[in-house]
């Protein structure tokens, strides 16, 4: 009997949803007010993935055609990747051979789409209330992009990506300056992969 109770408890935990709650259509889309406006910004970047470390500079820039270009290179100028994001698609302009794997590119694309809030202007969200927090759920196929705010939607507490039940990625945007976050953090739940960005003052050394 004790064994059966233990098994039932484990199964209940395994089947529990991180996003349990009643979904209701949002009456407005306040999340767009938090969307970063990356005119041109440079970040010191640290990446930890399954025991390996990468560091360098990430440039995020809005292009004349309104797409967003994202280039990550080390201090010597060796380019790790060069991505382009637009509402209608995603482009890999360059990626180093060791990272040129479908799963790696897909993971990075979804991580940065979460940060760019790529879907918030084209998808009507549902809202889940959990205590004092509100989860704005932007569903795109099987992927769900969650933006969690306070009850007044005056503060963006964190960002999450996952399914309708399970969290895969958690992120945060900290301290906006000129509509661009000074810090960005991305952490995966299912394996050891983190990205930390700290904004650099490009005029400090001038």
N, C-alpha and C. Protein backbone atom coordinates (compact mmCIF):
# COMPACT_ATOMS: atom_id res chain seq x y z
N UNK A 1 0.83 -1.21 0.00
CA UNK A 1 0.00 0.00 0.00
C UNK A 1 0.86 1.26 0.00
N UNK A 2 1.91 1.27 0.85
CA UNK A 2 2.78 2.44 0.89
C UNK A 2 3.48 2.65 -0.46
N UNK A 3 3.84 1.53 -1.08
CA UNK A 3 4.50 1.61 -2.40
C UNK A 3 3.55 2.21 -3.43
N UNK A 4 2.28 1.79 -3.42
CA UNK A 4 1.30 2.31 -4.37
C UNK A 4 1.05 3.80 -4.14
N UNK A 5 1.03 4.21 -2.88
CA UNK A 5 0.85 5.63 -2.57
C UNK A 5 2.03 6.45 -3.08
N UNK A 6 3.24 5.90 -2.91
CA UNK A 6 4.43 6.60 -3.38
C UNK A 6 4.42 6.74 -4.90
N UNK A 7 4.07 5.65 -5.58
CA UNK A 7 3.99 5.70 -7.04
C UNK A 7 2.95 6.72 -7.50
N UNK A 8 1.79 6.73 -6.84
CA UNK A 8 0.74 7.69 -7.20
C UNK A 8 1.20 9.12 -7.00
N UNK A 9 1.95 9.36 -5.91
CA UNK A 9 2.45 10.71 -5.63
C UNK A 9 3.46 11.16 -6.68
N UNK A 10 4.38 10.23 -7.07
CA UNK A 10 5.38 10.55 -8.09
C UNK A 10 4.70 10.83 -9.42
N UNK A 11 3.72 10.02 -9.78
CA UNK A 11 3.01 10.23 -11.05
C UNK A 11 2.24 11.55 -11.04
N UNK A 12 1.68 11.90 -9.90
CA UNK A 12 0.96 13.16 -9.80
C UNK A 12 1.89 14.34 -10.00
N UNK A 13 3.10 14.25 -9.43
CA UNK A 13 4.08 15.32 -9.61
C UNK A 13 4.53 15.40 -11.06
N UNK A 14 4.72 14.24 -11.67
CA UNK A 14 5.19 14.20 -13.05
C UNK A 14 4.17 14.78 -14.01
N UNK A 15 2.90 14.59 -13.67
CA UNK A 15 1.84 15.04 -14.58
C UNK A 15 1.35 16.45 -14.26
N UNK A 16 1.83 17.03 -13.15
CA UNK A 16 1.37 18.36 -12.78
C UNK A 16 1.88 19.39 -13.78
N UNK A 17 1.11 20.43 -13.95
CA UNK A 17 1.44 21.45 -14.94
C UNK A 17 2.02 22.69 -14.29
N UNK A 18 3.08 23.22 -14.89
CA UNK A 18 3.65 24.48 -14.40
C UNK A 18 2.72 25.64 -14.71
N UNK A 19 1.79 25.43 -15.63
CA UNK A 19 0.90 26.52 -16.07
C UNK A 19 -0.56 26.16 -15.84
N UNK A 20 -0.79 25.50 -14.72
CA UNK A 20 -2.15 25.14 -14.37
C UNK A 20 -2.95 26.38 -14.01
N UNK A 21 -4.14 26.47 -14.52
CA UNK A 21 -5.00 27.63 -14.23
C UNK A 21 -5.92 27.89 -15.39
N UNK A 22 -6.94 28.65 -15.13
CA UNK A 22 -7.92 28.96 -16.18
C UNK A 22 -7.37 30.01 -17.12
N UNK A 23 -7.38 29.69 -18.40
CA UNK A 23 -6.94 30.64 -19.42
C UNK A 23 -8.13 31.46 -19.89
N UNK A 24 -7.95 32.78 -19.87
CA UNK A 24 -9.00 33.68 -20.36
C UNK A 24 -8.39 34.60 -21.40
N UNK A 25 -9.15 34.99 -22.42
CA UNK A 25 -8.61 35.90 -23.43
C UNK A 25 -8.22 37.23 -22.80
N UNK A 26 -7.08 37.77 -23.21
CA UNK A 26 -6.64 39.06 -22.69
C UNK A 26 -7.52 40.17 -23.23
N UNK A 27 -7.87 41.12 -22.37
CA UNK A 27 -8.68 42.25 -22.82
C UNK A 27 -7.84 43.30 -23.54
N UNK A 28 -6.53 43.22 -23.38
CA UNK A 28 -5.60 44.11 -24.08
C UNK A 28 -4.25 43.44 -24.12
N UNK A 29 -3.31 44.04 -24.81
CA UNK A 29 -1.97 43.44 -24.90
C UNK A 29 -0.95 44.41 -24.33
N UNK A 30 -0.85 44.42 -23.00
CA UNK A 30 0.06 45.35 -22.33
C UNK A 30 1.52 44.93 -22.48
N UNK A 31 1.77 43.70 -22.90
CA UNK A 31 3.13 43.18 -22.98
C UNK A 31 3.97 43.95 -24.00
N UNK A 32 3.35 44.47 -25.04
CA UNK A 32 4.12 45.18 -26.06
C UNK A 32 4.85 46.39 -25.49
N UNK A 33 4.40 46.92 -24.35
CA UNK A 33 5.07 48.08 -23.76
C UNK A 33 6.43 47.71 -23.19
N UNK A 34 6.67 46.42 -22.95
CA UNK A 34 7.96 45.96 -22.43
C UNK A 34 8.91 45.52 -23.53
N UNK A 35 8.46 45.49 -24.75
CA UNK A 35 9.30 44.96 -25.83
C UNK A 35 10.52 45.85 -26.05
N UNK A 36 11.73 45.27 -26.01
CA UNK A 36 12.94 46.08 -26.21
C UNK A 36 12.98 46.68 -27.61
N UNK A 37 13.54 47.86 -27.70
CA UNK A 37 13.74 48.53 -29.00
C UNK A 37 15.24 48.62 -29.23
N UNK A 38 15.79 47.59 -29.87
CA UNK A 38 17.24 47.49 -30.04
C UNK A 38 17.68 48.30 -31.27
N UNK A 39 17.94 49.59 -31.08
CA UNK A 39 18.47 50.38 -32.19
C UNK A 39 19.87 49.88 -32.53
N UNK A 40 20.77 49.94 -31.57
CA UNK A 40 22.09 49.30 -31.65
C UNK A 40 22.65 49.21 -30.24
N UNK A 41 23.02 48.00 -29.81
CA UNK A 41 23.50 47.82 -28.45
C UNK A 41 24.53 46.71 -28.43
N UNK A 42 25.51 46.84 -27.53
CA UNK A 42 26.61 45.88 -27.42
C UNK A 42 26.59 45.28 -26.02
N UNK A 43 26.65 43.95 -25.94
CA UNK A 43 26.61 43.25 -24.67
C UNK A 43 27.86 42.40 -24.48
N UNK A 44 28.43 42.46 -23.27
CA UNK A 44 29.40 41.46 -22.86
C UNK A 44 28.62 40.18 -22.60
N UNK A 45 29.08 39.07 -23.19
CA UNK A 45 28.28 37.85 -23.21
C UNK A 45 29.05 36.67 -22.65
N UNK A 46 28.41 35.95 -21.74
CA UNK A 46 28.97 34.73 -21.16
C UNK A 46 27.98 33.60 -21.42
N UNK A 47 28.49 32.50 -21.96
CA UNK A 47 27.66 31.33 -22.27
C UNK A 47 28.24 30.11 -21.58
N UNK A 48 27.40 29.40 -20.84
CA UNK A 48 27.79 28.13 -20.23
C UNK A 48 26.87 27.06 -20.79
N UNK A 49 27.45 26.04 -21.40
CA UNK A 49 26.63 24.97 -21.97
C UNK A 49 27.33 23.63 -21.75
N UNK A 50 26.68 22.77 -20.96
CA UNK A 50 27.15 21.42 -20.64
C UNK A 50 28.66 21.38 -20.34
N UNK A 51 29.10 22.28 -19.45
CA UNK A 51 30.49 22.28 -19.01
C UNK A 51 31.44 23.08 -19.87
N UNK A 52 30.97 23.65 -20.96
CA UNK A 52 31.82 24.46 -21.82
C UNK A 52 31.47 25.94 -21.66
N UNK A 53 32.48 26.77 -21.89
CA UNK A 53 32.31 28.22 -21.69
C UNK A 53 32.68 28.97 -22.95
N UNK A 54 31.82 29.91 -23.33
CA UNK A 54 32.11 30.84 -24.42
C UNK A 54 31.94 32.26 -23.90
N UNK A 55 32.78 33.16 -24.33
CA UNK A 55 32.62 34.56 -23.96
C UNK A 55 32.94 35.43 -25.16
N UNK A 56 32.35 36.62 -25.16
CA UNK A 56 32.61 37.53 -26.27
C UNK A 56 31.65 38.70 -26.23
N UNK A 57 31.38 39.26 -27.38
CA UNK A 57 30.52 40.43 -27.52
C UNK A 57 29.35 40.10 -28.44
N UNK A 58 28.16 40.48 -28.01
CA UNK A 58 26.96 40.30 -28.81
C UNK A 58 26.43 41.66 -29.23
N UNK A 59 26.32 41.88 -30.52
CA UNK A 59 25.75 43.12 -31.05
C UNK A 59 24.33 42.84 -31.51
N UNK A 60 23.38 43.62 -31.04
CA UNK A 60 21.99 43.54 -31.49
C UNK A 60 21.64 44.87 -32.15
N UNK A 61 21.15 44.81 -33.37
CA UNK A 61 20.91 46.03 -34.13
C UNK A 61 19.66 45.91 -34.97
N UNK A 62 18.86 46.96 -34.98
CA UNK A 62 17.70 47.02 -35.87
C UNK A 62 18.15 47.55 -37.23
N UNK A 63 17.83 46.80 -38.27
CA UNK A 63 18.26 47.13 -39.62
C UNK A 63 17.25 48.06 -40.31
N UNK A 64 17.63 48.68 -41.43
CA UNK A 64 16.72 49.58 -42.14
C UNK A 64 15.40 48.93 -42.56
N UNK A 65 15.40 47.60 -42.78
CA UNK A 65 14.16 46.92 -43.17
C UNK A 65 13.34 46.47 -41.95
N UNK A 66 13.71 46.96 -40.75
CA UNK A 66 13.03 46.67 -39.48
C UNK A 66 13.33 45.27 -38.94
N UNK A 67 14.17 44.50 -39.60
CA UNK A 67 14.61 43.22 -39.05
C UNK A 67 15.63 43.48 -37.95
N UNK A 68 15.89 42.46 -37.15
CA UNK A 68 16.87 42.56 -36.07
C UNK A 68 18.04 41.65 -36.39
N UNK A 69 19.24 42.20 -36.37
CA UNK A 69 20.45 41.43 -36.64
C UNK A 69 21.17 41.18 -35.33
N UNK A 70 21.66 39.96 -35.14
CA UNK A 70 22.30 39.58 -33.89
C UNK A 70 23.61 38.86 -34.23
N UNK A 71 24.75 39.46 -33.83
CA UNK A 71 26.07 38.90 -34.15
C UNK A 71 26.83 38.67 -32.86
N UNK A 72 27.32 37.44 -32.67
CA UNK A 72 28.09 37.07 -31.48
C UNK A 72 29.49 36.67 -31.93
N UNK A 73 30.50 37.39 -31.41
CA UNK A 73 31.90 37.12 -31.77
C UNK A 73 32.76 37.24 -30.52
N UNK A 74 33.95 36.62 -30.55
CA UNK A 74 34.84 36.76 -29.41
C UNK A 74 35.64 38.06 -29.51
N UNK A 75 36.47 38.33 -28.51
CA UNK A 75 37.18 39.60 -28.44
C UNK A 75 38.18 39.76 -29.59
N UNK A 76 38.60 38.65 -30.20
CA UNK A 76 39.53 38.72 -31.33
C UNK A 76 38.81 38.88 -32.67
N UNK A 77 37.48 38.88 -32.63
CA UNK A 77 36.72 39.07 -33.86
C UNK A 77 36.24 37.80 -34.53
N UNK A 78 36.54 36.62 -33.92
CA UNK A 78 36.06 35.37 -34.49
C UNK A 78 34.56 35.27 -34.27
N UNK A 79 33.82 35.05 -35.34
CA UNK A 79 32.36 35.09 -35.28
C UNK A 79 31.79 33.72 -34.94
N UNK A 80 31.00 33.66 -33.87
CA UNK A 80 30.31 32.42 -33.50
C UNK A 80 29.03 32.26 -34.33
N UNK A 81 28.22 33.32 -34.38
CA UNK A 81 27.03 33.26 -35.22
C UNK A 81 26.59 34.65 -35.62
N UNK A 82 25.79 34.68 -36.67
CA UNK A 82 25.20 35.92 -37.20
C UNK A 82 23.79 35.56 -37.63
N UNK A 83 22.78 36.05 -36.87
CA UNK A 83 21.38 35.70 -37.12
C UNK A 83 20.58 36.94 -37.50
N UNK A 84 19.54 36.72 -38.28
CA UNK A 84 18.58 37.76 -38.61
C UNK A 84 17.19 37.34 -38.21
N UNK A 85 16.46 38.25 -37.55
CA UNK A 85 15.10 37.96 -37.10
C UNK A 85 14.14 38.97 -37.72
N UNK A 86 13.07 38.47 -38.28
CA UNK A 86 11.97 39.31 -38.75
C UNK A 86 10.68 38.57 -38.49
N UNK A 87 9.57 39.29 -38.50
CA UNK A 87 8.28 38.67 -38.17
C UNK A 87 7.97 37.48 -39.06
N UNK A 88 8.35 37.57 -40.33
CA UNK A 88 7.99 36.52 -41.27
C UNK A 88 9.03 35.42 -41.40
N UNK A 89 10.14 35.51 -40.65
CA UNK A 89 11.12 34.45 -40.80
C UNK A 89 12.40 34.69 -40.03
N UNK A 90 13.31 33.73 -40.14
CA UNK A 90 14.58 33.72 -39.42
C UNK A 90 15.67 33.31 -40.40
N UNK A 91 16.82 34.00 -40.34
CA UNK A 91 17.91 33.74 -41.29
C UNK A 91 19.20 33.49 -40.53
N UNK A 92 19.91 32.43 -40.92
CA UNK A 92 21.25 32.17 -40.41
C UNK A 92 22.23 32.68 -41.46
N UNK A 93 22.87 33.82 -41.19
CA UNK A 93 23.86 34.36 -42.12
C UNK A 93 25.20 33.65 -41.96
N UNK A 94 25.48 33.24 -40.73
CA UNK A 94 26.74 32.53 -40.47
C UNK A 94 26.64 31.83 -39.12
N UNK A 95 27.26 30.65 -39.02
CA UNK A 95 27.40 29.98 -37.73
C UNK A 95 28.64 29.10 -37.79
N UNK A 96 29.43 29.08 -36.71
CA UNK A 96 30.65 28.29 -36.70
C UNK A 96 30.31 26.80 -36.83
N UNK A 97 31.23 26.06 -37.38
CA UNK A 97 30.99 24.65 -37.72
C UNK A 97 30.55 23.83 -36.51
N UNK A 98 31.18 24.06 -35.34
CA UNK A 98 30.86 23.28 -34.15
C UNK A 98 29.43 23.52 -33.65
N UNK A 99 28.85 24.67 -34.00
CA UNK A 99 27.49 24.99 -33.58
C UNK A 99 26.46 24.75 -34.68
N UNK A 100 26.92 24.38 -35.85
CA UNK A 100 26.04 24.24 -36.99
C UNK A 100 25.27 22.92 -36.94
N UNK A 101 24.39 22.85 -35.95
CA UNK A 101 23.53 21.69 -35.77
C UNK A 101 22.09 22.18 -35.64
N UNK A 102 21.17 21.44 -36.22
CA UNK A 102 19.78 21.87 -36.26
C UNK A 102 19.22 22.15 -34.87
N UNK A 103 19.52 21.26 -33.91
CA UNK A 103 19.00 21.44 -32.55
C UNK A 103 19.56 22.69 -31.88
N UNK A 104 20.85 22.98 -32.11
CA UNK A 104 21.49 24.15 -31.52
C UNK A 104 20.87 25.43 -32.09
N UNK A 105 20.74 25.49 -33.41
CA UNK A 105 20.18 26.67 -34.06
C UNK A 105 18.73 26.88 -33.61
N UNK A 106 17.96 25.80 -33.53
CA UNK A 106 16.56 25.90 -33.11
C UNK A 106 16.45 26.43 -31.69
N UNK A 107 17.31 25.94 -30.80
CA UNK A 107 17.29 26.40 -29.41
C UNK A 107 17.64 27.87 -29.30
N UNK A 108 18.70 28.29 -29.98
CA UNK A 108 19.10 29.70 -29.95
C UNK A 108 18.02 30.59 -30.55
N UNK A 109 17.44 30.15 -31.65
CA UNK A 109 16.38 30.95 -32.29
C UNK A 109 15.23 31.19 -31.30
N UNK A 110 14.78 30.14 -30.65
CA UNK A 110 13.64 30.29 -29.73
C UNK A 110 14.02 31.10 -28.50
N UNK A 111 15.26 30.94 -28.00
CA UNK A 111 15.71 31.75 -26.87
C UNK A 111 15.63 33.24 -27.20
N UNK A 112 16.14 33.60 -28.36
CA UNK A 112 16.19 35.02 -28.70
C UNK A 112 14.84 35.56 -29.16
N UNK A 113 14.01 34.70 -29.73
CA UNK A 113 12.64 35.14 -30.03
C UNK A 113 11.89 35.48 -28.75
N UNK A 114 12.16 34.73 -27.68
CA UNK A 114 11.55 35.04 -26.39
C UNK A 114 11.97 36.41 -25.91
N UNK A 115 13.27 36.72 -26.01
CA UNK A 115 13.80 38.00 -25.55
C UNK A 115 13.33 39.16 -26.44
N UNK A 116 13.32 38.92 -27.73
CA UNK A 116 12.88 39.96 -28.67
C UNK A 116 11.38 40.20 -28.62
N UNK A 117 10.66 39.28 -27.96
CA UNK A 117 9.19 39.34 -27.91
C UNK A 117 8.61 39.36 -29.32
N UNK A 118 9.14 38.47 -30.12
CA UNK A 118 8.86 38.46 -31.54
C UNK A 118 7.37 38.29 -31.86
N UNK A 119 6.65 37.54 -31.04
CA UNK A 119 5.28 37.16 -31.37
C UNK A 119 4.23 38.03 -30.68
N UNK A 120 4.66 38.96 -29.83
CA UNK A 120 3.68 39.67 -29.01
C UNK A 120 2.82 40.65 -29.80
N UNK A 121 3.29 41.03 -30.98
CA UNK A 121 2.49 41.97 -31.77
C UNK A 121 1.56 41.31 -32.76
N UNK A 122 1.69 39.99 -32.94
CA UNK A 122 0.91 39.30 -33.97
C UNK A 122 -0.01 38.22 -33.42
N UNK A 123 0.14 37.85 -32.15
CA UNK A 123 -0.66 36.78 -31.55
C UNK A 123 -1.44 37.36 -30.37
N UNK A 124 -2.71 37.01 -30.30
CA UNK A 124 -3.53 37.44 -29.17
C UNK A 124 -3.29 36.50 -28.00
N UNK A 125 -2.87 37.02 -26.85
CA UNK A 125 -2.52 36.13 -25.74
C UNK A 125 -3.74 35.67 -24.94
N UNK A 126 -3.54 34.57 -24.23
CA UNK A 126 -4.44 34.19 -23.15
C UNK A 126 -3.77 34.58 -21.84
N UNK A 127 -4.54 34.70 -20.78
CA UNK A 127 -4.00 35.11 -19.49
C UNK A 127 -4.31 34.04 -18.44
N UNK A 128 -3.30 33.70 -17.65
CA UNK A 128 -3.47 32.78 -16.53
C UNK A 128 -3.11 33.54 -15.26
N UNK A 129 -3.99 33.52 -14.28
CA UNK A 129 -3.72 34.19 -13.00
C UNK A 129 -3.24 33.16 -12.00
N UNK A 130 -2.06 33.39 -11.40
CA UNK A 130 -1.51 32.51 -10.37
C UNK A 130 -1.08 33.38 -9.20
N UNK A 131 -1.89 33.41 -8.17
CA UNK A 131 -1.60 34.28 -7.04
C UNK A 131 -1.64 35.73 -7.48
N UNK A 132 -0.55 36.45 -7.22
CA UNK A 132 -0.50 37.87 -7.60
C UNK A 132 0.14 38.07 -8.97
N UNK A 133 0.48 36.96 -9.67
CA UNK A 133 1.14 37.05 -10.96
C UNK A 133 0.19 36.71 -12.10
N UNK A 134 0.42 37.38 -13.23
CA UNK A 134 -0.37 37.14 -14.43
C UNK A 134 0.56 36.64 -15.54
N UNK A 135 0.20 35.50 -16.11
CA UNK A 135 0.96 34.89 -17.19
C UNK A 135 0.28 35.20 -18.51
N UNK A 136 0.94 35.96 -19.37
CA UNK A 136 0.42 36.24 -20.71
C UNK A 136 1.02 35.20 -21.65
N UNK A 137 0.15 34.35 -22.18
CA UNK A 137 0.55 33.17 -22.95
C UNK A 137 0.34 33.42 -24.44
N UNK A 138 1.48 33.52 -25.17
CA UNK A 138 1.44 33.67 -26.62
C UNK A 138 1.79 32.31 -27.23
N UNK A 139 0.80 31.64 -27.79
CA UNK A 139 0.99 30.29 -28.31
C UNK A 139 1.30 30.34 -29.81
N UNK A 140 2.37 29.64 -30.18
CA UNK A 140 2.73 29.49 -31.59
C UNK A 140 2.99 28.01 -31.84
N UNK A 141 2.01 27.32 -32.40
CA UNK A 141 2.11 25.88 -32.55
C UNK A 141 2.17 25.23 -31.19
N UNK A 142 3.17 24.35 -30.99
CA UNK A 142 3.33 23.68 -29.70
C UNK A 142 4.11 24.53 -28.71
N UNK A 143 4.71 25.61 -29.17
CA UNK A 143 5.49 26.48 -28.29
C UNK A 143 4.60 27.53 -27.65
N UNK A 144 4.86 27.78 -26.38
CA UNK A 144 4.15 28.83 -25.65
C UNK A 144 5.18 29.78 -25.07
N UNK A 145 5.01 31.06 -25.36
CA UNK A 145 5.89 32.11 -24.86
C UNK A 145 5.12 32.86 -23.77
N UNK A 146 5.62 32.76 -22.53
CA UNK A 146 4.93 33.34 -21.38
C UNK A 146 5.67 34.58 -20.89
N UNK A 147 4.90 35.64 -20.67
CA UNK A 147 5.44 36.88 -20.11
C UNK A 147 4.68 37.15 -18.82
N UNK A 148 5.41 37.14 -17.70
CA UNK A 148 4.77 37.17 -16.38
C UNK A 148 4.90 38.57 -15.80
N UNK A 149 3.77 39.14 -15.39
CA UNK A 149 3.74 40.50 -14.86
C UNK A 149 3.04 40.51 -13.49
N UNK A 150 3.09 41.69 -12.86
CA UNK A 150 2.27 41.90 -11.67
C UNK A 150 0.82 42.09 -12.10
N UNK A 151 -0.07 42.25 -11.12
CA UNK A 151 -1.50 42.31 -11.42
C UNK A 151 -1.88 43.53 -12.27
N UNK A 152 -1.11 44.61 -12.16
CA UNK A 152 -1.40 45.82 -12.92
C UNK A 152 -0.70 45.86 -14.26
N UNK A 153 0.09 44.84 -14.56
CA UNK A 153 0.91 44.81 -15.79
C UNK A 153 1.83 46.03 -15.86
N UNK A 154 2.35 46.42 -14.70
CA UNK A 154 3.26 47.57 -14.65
C UNK A 154 4.72 47.13 -14.56
N UNK A 155 4.94 45.83 -14.23
CA UNK A 155 6.30 45.30 -14.14
C UNK A 155 6.37 43.95 -14.84
N UNK A 156 7.40 43.78 -15.65
CA UNK A 156 7.66 42.49 -16.27
C UNK A 156 8.57 41.71 -15.33
N UNK A 157 8.04 40.66 -14.71
CA UNK A 157 8.77 39.93 -13.69
C UNK A 157 9.77 38.94 -14.28
N UNK A 158 9.36 38.23 -15.32
CA UNK A 158 10.24 37.27 -15.99
C UNK A 158 9.57 36.79 -17.28
N UNK A 159 10.32 36.03 -18.04
CA UNK A 159 9.85 35.48 -19.31
C UNK A 159 10.10 33.97 -19.27
N UNK A 160 9.20 33.21 -19.85
CA UNK A 160 9.36 31.77 -19.89
C UNK A 160 8.90 31.23 -21.24
N UNK A 161 9.52 30.13 -21.63
CA UNK A 161 9.07 29.42 -22.83
C UNK A 161 8.91 27.95 -22.49
N UNK A 162 7.90 27.31 -23.07
CA UNK A 162 7.69 25.90 -22.84
C UNK A 162 6.50 25.41 -23.64
N UNK A 163 5.85 24.38 -23.09
CA UNK A 163 4.63 23.86 -23.68
C UNK A 163 3.46 24.41 -22.88
N UNK A 164 2.30 23.82 -23.07
CA UNK A 164 1.15 24.26 -22.29
C UNK A 164 1.24 23.77 -20.85
N UNK A 165 2.17 22.82 -20.60
CA UNK A 165 2.28 22.24 -19.27
C UNK A 165 3.65 22.42 -18.62
N UNK A 166 4.72 22.45 -19.43
CA UNK A 166 6.06 22.35 -18.89
C UNK A 166 6.93 23.53 -19.29
N UNK A 167 7.69 24.05 -18.32
CA UNK A 167 8.64 25.14 -18.60
C UNK A 167 9.94 24.58 -19.14
N UNK A 168 10.46 25.20 -20.20
CA UNK A 168 11.72 24.79 -20.79
C UNK A 168 12.81 25.84 -20.53
N UNK A 169 12.44 27.10 -20.65
CA UNK A 169 13.40 28.20 -20.54
C UNK A 169 12.84 29.31 -19.68
N UNK A 170 13.70 29.92 -18.86
CA UNK A 170 13.32 31.09 -18.07
C UNK A 170 14.31 32.21 -18.36
N UNK A 171 13.81 33.43 -18.45
CA UNK A 171 14.67 34.56 -18.78
C UNK A 171 14.22 35.81 -18.03
N UNK A 172 15.10 36.80 -18.01
CA UNK A 172 14.75 38.07 -17.41
C UNK A 172 15.40 39.20 -18.21
N UNK A 173 14.77 40.35 -18.14
CA UNK A 173 15.30 41.60 -18.72
C UNK A 173 15.40 42.60 -17.59
N UNK A 174 16.57 43.20 -17.40
CA UNK A 174 16.75 44.09 -16.26
C UNK A 174 17.11 45.51 -16.65
N UNK A 175 16.55 46.48 -15.93
CA UNK A 175 16.96 47.89 -15.98
C UNK A 175 17.10 48.44 -17.40
N UNK A 176 15.99 48.87 -17.95
CA UNK A 176 16.00 49.42 -19.30
C UNK A 176 16.66 50.80 -19.34
N UNK A 177 17.46 51.02 -20.37
CA UNK A 177 17.99 52.35 -20.69
C UNK A 177 17.75 52.60 -22.17
N UNK A 178 17.08 53.70 -22.50
CA UNK A 178 16.74 53.99 -23.89
C UNK A 178 15.98 52.83 -24.54
N UNK A 179 15.04 52.25 -23.79
CA UNK A 179 14.19 51.15 -24.26
C UNK A 179 14.94 49.86 -24.55
N UNK A 180 16.16 49.74 -24.03
CA UNK A 180 16.95 48.52 -24.20
C UNK A 180 17.40 48.03 -22.84
N UNK A 181 17.27 46.72 -22.53
CA UNK A 181 17.65 46.21 -21.21
C UNK A 181 19.16 46.25 -21.00
N UNK A 182 19.57 46.60 -19.78
CA UNK A 182 21.00 46.62 -19.44
C UNK A 182 21.52 45.22 -19.15
N UNK A 183 20.66 44.33 -18.68
CA UNK A 183 21.06 42.95 -18.42
C UNK A 183 20.01 42.01 -18.98
N UNK A 184 20.47 40.86 -19.46
CA UNK A 184 19.58 39.81 -19.96
C UNK A 184 20.12 38.48 -19.46
N UNK A 185 19.25 37.65 -18.96
CA UNK A 185 19.65 36.32 -18.53
C UNK A 185 18.72 35.27 -19.11
N UNK A 186 19.30 34.16 -19.55
CA UNK A 186 18.52 33.05 -20.11
C UNK A 186 19.03 31.77 -19.45
N UNK A 187 18.09 30.96 -18.94
CA UNK A 187 18.49 29.71 -18.29
C UNK A 187 17.53 28.59 -18.70
N UNK A 188 18.10 27.47 -19.11
CA UNK A 188 17.28 26.32 -19.51
C UNK A 188 17.02 25.41 -18.33
N UNK A 189 15.84 24.81 -18.31
CA UNK A 189 15.45 23.94 -17.22
C UNK A 189 15.83 22.48 -17.45
N UNK A 190 15.93 22.07 -18.71
CA UNK A 190 16.11 20.65 -19.01
C UNK A 190 17.57 20.24 -19.23
N UNK A 191 18.50 21.21 -19.34
CA UNK A 191 19.92 20.88 -19.38
C UNK A 191 20.72 22.12 -19.01
N UNK A 192 22.02 21.94 -18.77
CA UNK A 192 22.86 23.03 -18.26
C UNK A 192 23.24 23.98 -19.40
N UNK A 193 22.46 25.03 -19.56
CA UNK A 193 22.70 26.01 -20.62
C UNK A 193 22.22 27.36 -20.14
N UNK A 194 23.16 28.30 -19.97
CA UNK A 194 22.81 29.66 -19.55
C UNK A 194 23.50 30.68 -20.45
N UNK A 195 22.84 31.81 -20.65
CA UNK A 195 23.39 32.94 -21.38
C UNK A 195 23.22 34.18 -20.51
N UNK A 196 24.29 34.92 -20.29
CA UNK A 196 24.24 36.14 -19.48
C UNK A 196 24.78 37.30 -20.30
N UNK A 197 23.98 38.35 -20.42
CA UNK A 197 24.38 39.53 -21.19
C UNK A 197 24.40 40.75 -20.28
N UNK A 198 25.49 41.52 -20.37
CA UNK A 198 25.59 42.79 -19.63
C UNK A 198 25.97 43.89 -20.62
N UNK A 199 25.15 44.90 -20.63
CA UNK A 199 25.33 45.97 -21.61
C UNK A 199 26.61 46.76 -21.35
N UNK A 200 27.31 47.07 -22.45
CA UNK A 200 28.53 47.85 -22.38
C UNK A 200 28.26 49.29 -22.82
N UNK A 201 28.91 50.22 -22.14
CA UNK A 201 28.83 51.63 -22.56
C UNK A 201 29.90 51.85 -23.61
N UNK A 202 29.48 51.93 -24.88
CA UNK A 202 30.44 52.04 -25.98
C UNK A 202 31.14 53.37 -26.01
N UNK A 203 30.62 54.35 -25.24
CA UNK A 203 31.23 55.69 -25.24
C UNK A 203 32.14 55.90 -24.04
N UNK A 204 32.20 54.87 -23.13
CA UNK A 204 32.96 55.06 -21.90
C UNK A 204 34.45 55.31 -22.15
N UNK A 205 34.98 54.67 -23.20
CA UNK A 205 36.41 54.79 -23.45
C UNK A 205 36.77 55.92 -24.42
N UNK A 206 35.75 56.66 -24.87
CA UNK A 206 36.03 57.73 -25.84
C UNK A 206 36.55 58.98 -25.14
